[in-house]
Amino acid sequence: MYKAYKYRIYPTDDQKASLAKAFGCCRWYWNFALNLCQQTYLKTGKGLSRGYIQSLLPGLKKEYPWLRDAYSQSLQVVALHLSTAYKNCFEKRAQLPRFKS
């Protein structure tokens, strides 16, 4: 038997601001990577691997310094979720991934 616990957190104003920045960075990176995957698929007929998407991060952090506000692990998980979304789509378990708003 499994047990589950729910906790409610009450972040401070500084923590709320840093969470909002992290969520915004992750959303931007998802949309950027999804657009890149779609363009690549239209041009070549092949998708991008998770490793390739993650390898873009250091260059993007130099180009967009505000991406450094988010933890690198959270941005790497975005690449994992995107590759999983495409895998599920091609195996007919889900629809194509969508842009986040």
C-alpha atoms as a PDB file:
ATOM      1  CA  MET A   1       0.000   0.000   0.000  1.00  0.00           C
ATOM      2  CA  TYR A   2       1.301   3.432  -0.959  1.00  0.00           C
ATOM      3  CA  LYS A   3       0.857   6.559   1.081  1.00  0.00           C
ATOM      4  CA  ALA A   4       0.738  10.047  -0.315  1.00  0.00           C
ATOM      5  CA  TYR A   5       1.144  13.333   1.467  1.00  0.00           C
ATOM      6  CA  LYS A   6       0.092  16.753   0.278  1.00  0.00           C
ATOM      7  CA  TYR A   7       1.902  19.827   1.474  1.00  0.00           C
ATOM      8  CA  ARG A   8       1.007  23.410   0.851  1.00  0.00           C
ATOM      9  CA  ILE A   9       3.882  25.835   0.614  1.00  0.00           C
ATOM     10  CA  TYR A  10       3.813  29.534   1.314  1.00  0.00           C
ATOM     11  CA  PRO A  11       6.770  31.076  -0.510  1.00  0.00           C
ATOM     12  CA  THR A  12       8.063  34.495   0.373  1.00  0.00           C
ATOM     13  CA  ASP A  13       7.935  37.317  -2.164  1.00  0.00           C
ATOM     14  CA  ASP A  14      11.556  36.683  -3.190  1.00  0.00           C
ATOM     15  CA  GLN A  15      10.846  32.988  -3.650  1.00  0.00           C
ATOM     16  CA  LYS A  16       7.737  33.786  -5.698  1.00  0.00           C
ATOM     17  CA  ALA A  17       9.805  35.998  -7.982  1.00  0.00           C
ATOM     18  CA  SER A  18      12.505  33.372  -8.485  1.00  0.00           C
ATOM     19  CA  LEU A  19       9.889  30.675  -9.164  1.00  0.00           C
ATOM     20  CA  ALA A  20       8.205  32.910 -11.734  1.00  0.00           C
ATOM     21  CA  LYS A  21      11.567  33.522 -13.438  1.00  0.00           C
ATOM     22  CA  ALA A  22      12.347  29.796 -13.501  1.00  0.00           C
ATOM     23  CA  PHE A  23       8.921  28.925 -14.934  1.00  0.00           C
ATOM     24  CA  GLY A  24       9.277  31.647 -17.551  1.00  0.00           C
ATOM     25  CA  CYS A  25      12.720  30.422 -18.591  1.00  0.00           C
ATOM     26  CA  CYS A  26      11.466  26.851 -18.891  1.00  0.00           C
ATOM     27  CA  ARG A  27       8.454  27.946 -20.932  1.00  0.00           C
ATOM     28  CA  TRP A  28      10.647  30.003 -23.276  1.00  0.00           C
ATOM     29  CA  TYR A  29      13.105  27.122 -23.719  1.00  0.00           C
ATOM     30  CA  TRP A  30      10.255  24.674 -24.441  1.00  0.00           C
ATOM     31  CA  ASN A  31       8.845  26.963 -27.147  1.00  0.00           C
ATOM     32  CA  PHE A  32      12.305  27.599 -28.616  1.00  0.00           C
ATOM     33  CA  ALA A  33      13.160  23.894 -28.758  1.00  0.00           C
ATOM     34  CA  LEU A  34       9.734  22.928 -30.099  1.00  0.00           C
ATOM     35  CA  ASN A  35      10.024  25.507 -32.885  1.00  0.00           C
ATOM     36  CA  LEU A  36      13.508  24.230 -33.723  1.00  0.00           C
ATOM     37  CA  CYS A  37      12.266  20.624 -33.797  1.00  0.00           C
ATOM     38  CA  GLN A  38       9.380  21.535 -36.081  1.00  0.00           C
ATOM     39  CA  GLN A  39      11.598  23.483 -38.485  1.00  0.00           C
ATOM     40  CA  THR A  40      14.166  20.692 -38.590  1.00  0.00           C
ATOM     41  CA  TYR A  41      11.490  18.066 -39.218  1.00  0.00           C
ATOM     42  CA  LEU A  42      10.018  20.095 -42.086  1.00  0.00           C
ATOM     43  CA  LYS A  43      13.440  20.560 -43.699  1.00  0.00           C
ATOM     44  CA  THR A  44      15.013  17.144 -43.187  1.00  0.00           C
ATOM     45  CA  GLY A  45      12.202  14.815 -42.176  1.00  0.00           C
ATOM     46  CA  LYS A  46      14.104  13.880 -39.016  1.00  0.00           C
ATOM     47  CA  GLY A  47      13.667  15.026 -35.450  1.00  0.00           C
ATOM     48  CA  LEU A  48      16.209  16.251 -32.934  1.00  0.00           C
ATOM     49  CA  SER A  49      17.548  14.126 -30.116  1.00  0.00           C
ATOM     50  CA  ARG A  50      17.387  15.074 -26.462  1.00  0.00           C
ATOM     51  CA  GLY A  51      21.181  15.272 -26.346  1.00  0.00           C
ATOM     52  CA  TYR A  52      21.260  17.763 -29.183  1.00  0.00           C
ATOM     53  CA  ILE A  53      18.561  19.912 -27.601  1.00  0.00           C
ATOM     54  CA  GLN A  54      20.445  19.912 -24.294  1.00  0.00           C
ATOM     55  CA  SER A  55      23.706  20.775 -26.038  1.00  0.00           C
ATOM     56  CA  LEU A  56      22.124  24.058 -27.159  1.00  0.00           C
ATOM     57  CA  LEU A  57      21.823  25.287 -23.566  1.00  0.00           C
ATOM     58  CA  PRO A  58      25.369  26.650 -23.020  1.00  0.00           C
ATOM     59  CA  GLY A  59      25.195  28.713 -26.202  1.00  0.00           C
ATOM     60  CA  LEU A  60      21.725  29.965 -25.371  1.00  0.00           C
ATOM     61  CA  LYS A  61      22.831  30.991 -21.888  1.00  0.00           C
ATOM     62  CA  LYS A  62      25.607  33.099 -23.451  1.00  0.00           C
ATOM     63  CA  GLU A  63      23.187  34.637 -25.942  1.00  0.00           C
ATOM     64  CA  TYR A  64      20.384  35.170 -23.413  1.00  0.00           C
ATOM     65  CA  PRO A  65      21.900  35.894 -19.971  1.00  0.00           C
ATOM     66  CA  TRP A  66      18.508  35.824 -18.246  1.00  0.00           C
ATOM     67  CA  LEU A  67      18.400  32.045 -18.812  1.00  0.00           C
ATOM     68  CA  ARG A  68      20.979  31.762 -16.041  1.00  0.00           C
ATOM     69  CA  ASP A  69      18.248  32.682 -13.541  1.00  0.00           C
ATOM     70  CA  ALA A  70      16.790  29.173 -13.825  1.00  0.00           C
ATOM     71  CA  TYR A  71      18.536  26.073 -12.545  1.00  0.00           C
ATOM     72  CA  SER A  72      20.211  24.105 -15.305  1.00  0.00           C
ATOM     73  CA  GLN A  73      18.504  20.885 -14.202  1.00  0.00           C
ATOM     74  CA  SER A  74      15.066  22.386 -14.762  1.00  0.00           C
ATOM     75  CA  LEU A  75      16.030  23.390 -18.297  1.00  0.00           C
ATOM     76  CA  GLN A  76      17.494  19.946 -18.981  1.00  0.00           C
ATOM     77  CA  VAL A  77      14.238  18.351 -17.857  1.00  0.00           C
ATOM     78  CA  VAL A  78      12.439  20.488 -20.437  1.00  0.00           C
ATOM     79  CA  ALA A  79      14.489  18.762 -23.150  1.00  0.00           C
ATOM     80  CA  LEU A  80      13.635  15.374 -21.633  1.00  0.00           C
ATOM     81  CA  HIS A  81       9.923  16.175 -21.563  1.00  0.00           C
ATOM     82  CA  LEU A  82       9.998  17.416 -25.154  1.00  0.00           C
ATOM     83  CA  SER A  83      11.721  14.279 -26.431  1.00  0.00           C
ATOM     84  CA  THR A  84       9.266  12.128 -24.454  1.00  0.00           C
ATOM     85  CA  ALA A  85       6.347  14.084 -25.920  1.00  0.00           C
ATOM     86  CA  TYR A  86       7.596  13.446 -29.458  1.00  0.00           C
ATOM     87  CA  LYS A  87       8.213   9.778 -28.677  1.00  0.00           C
ATOM     88  CA  ASN A  88       4.657   9.395 -27.367  1.00  0.00           C
ATOM     89  CA  CYS A  89       3.315  11.188 -30.422  1.00  0.00           C
ATOM     90  CA  PHE A  90       5.104   8.947 -32.899  1.00  0.00           C
ATOM     91  CA  GLU A  91       3.986   5.853 -30.997  1.00  0.00           C
ATOM     92  CA  LYS A  92       0.358   7.103 -31.277  1.00  0.00           C
ATOM     93  CA  ARG A  93      -0.091   7.554 -27.522  1.00  0.00           C
ATOM     94  CA  ALA A  94      -0.480  11.338 -27.635  1.00  0.00           C
ATOM     95  CA  GLN A  95      -0.874  14.307 -29.940  1.00  0.00           C
ATOM     96  CA  LEU A  96       1.899  16.537 -31.192  1.00  0.00           C
ATOM     97  CA  PRO A  97       3.450  18.739 -28.509  1.00  0.00           C
ATOM     98  CA  ARG A  98       2.074  22.265 -28.363  1.00  0.00           C
ATOM     99  CA  PHE A  99       3.583  25.623 -27.618  1.00  0.00           C
ATOM    100  CA  LYS A 100       3.212  26.825 -24.021  1.00  0.00           C
ATOM    101  CA  SER A 101       1.644  30.181 -23.255  1.00  0.00           C
END
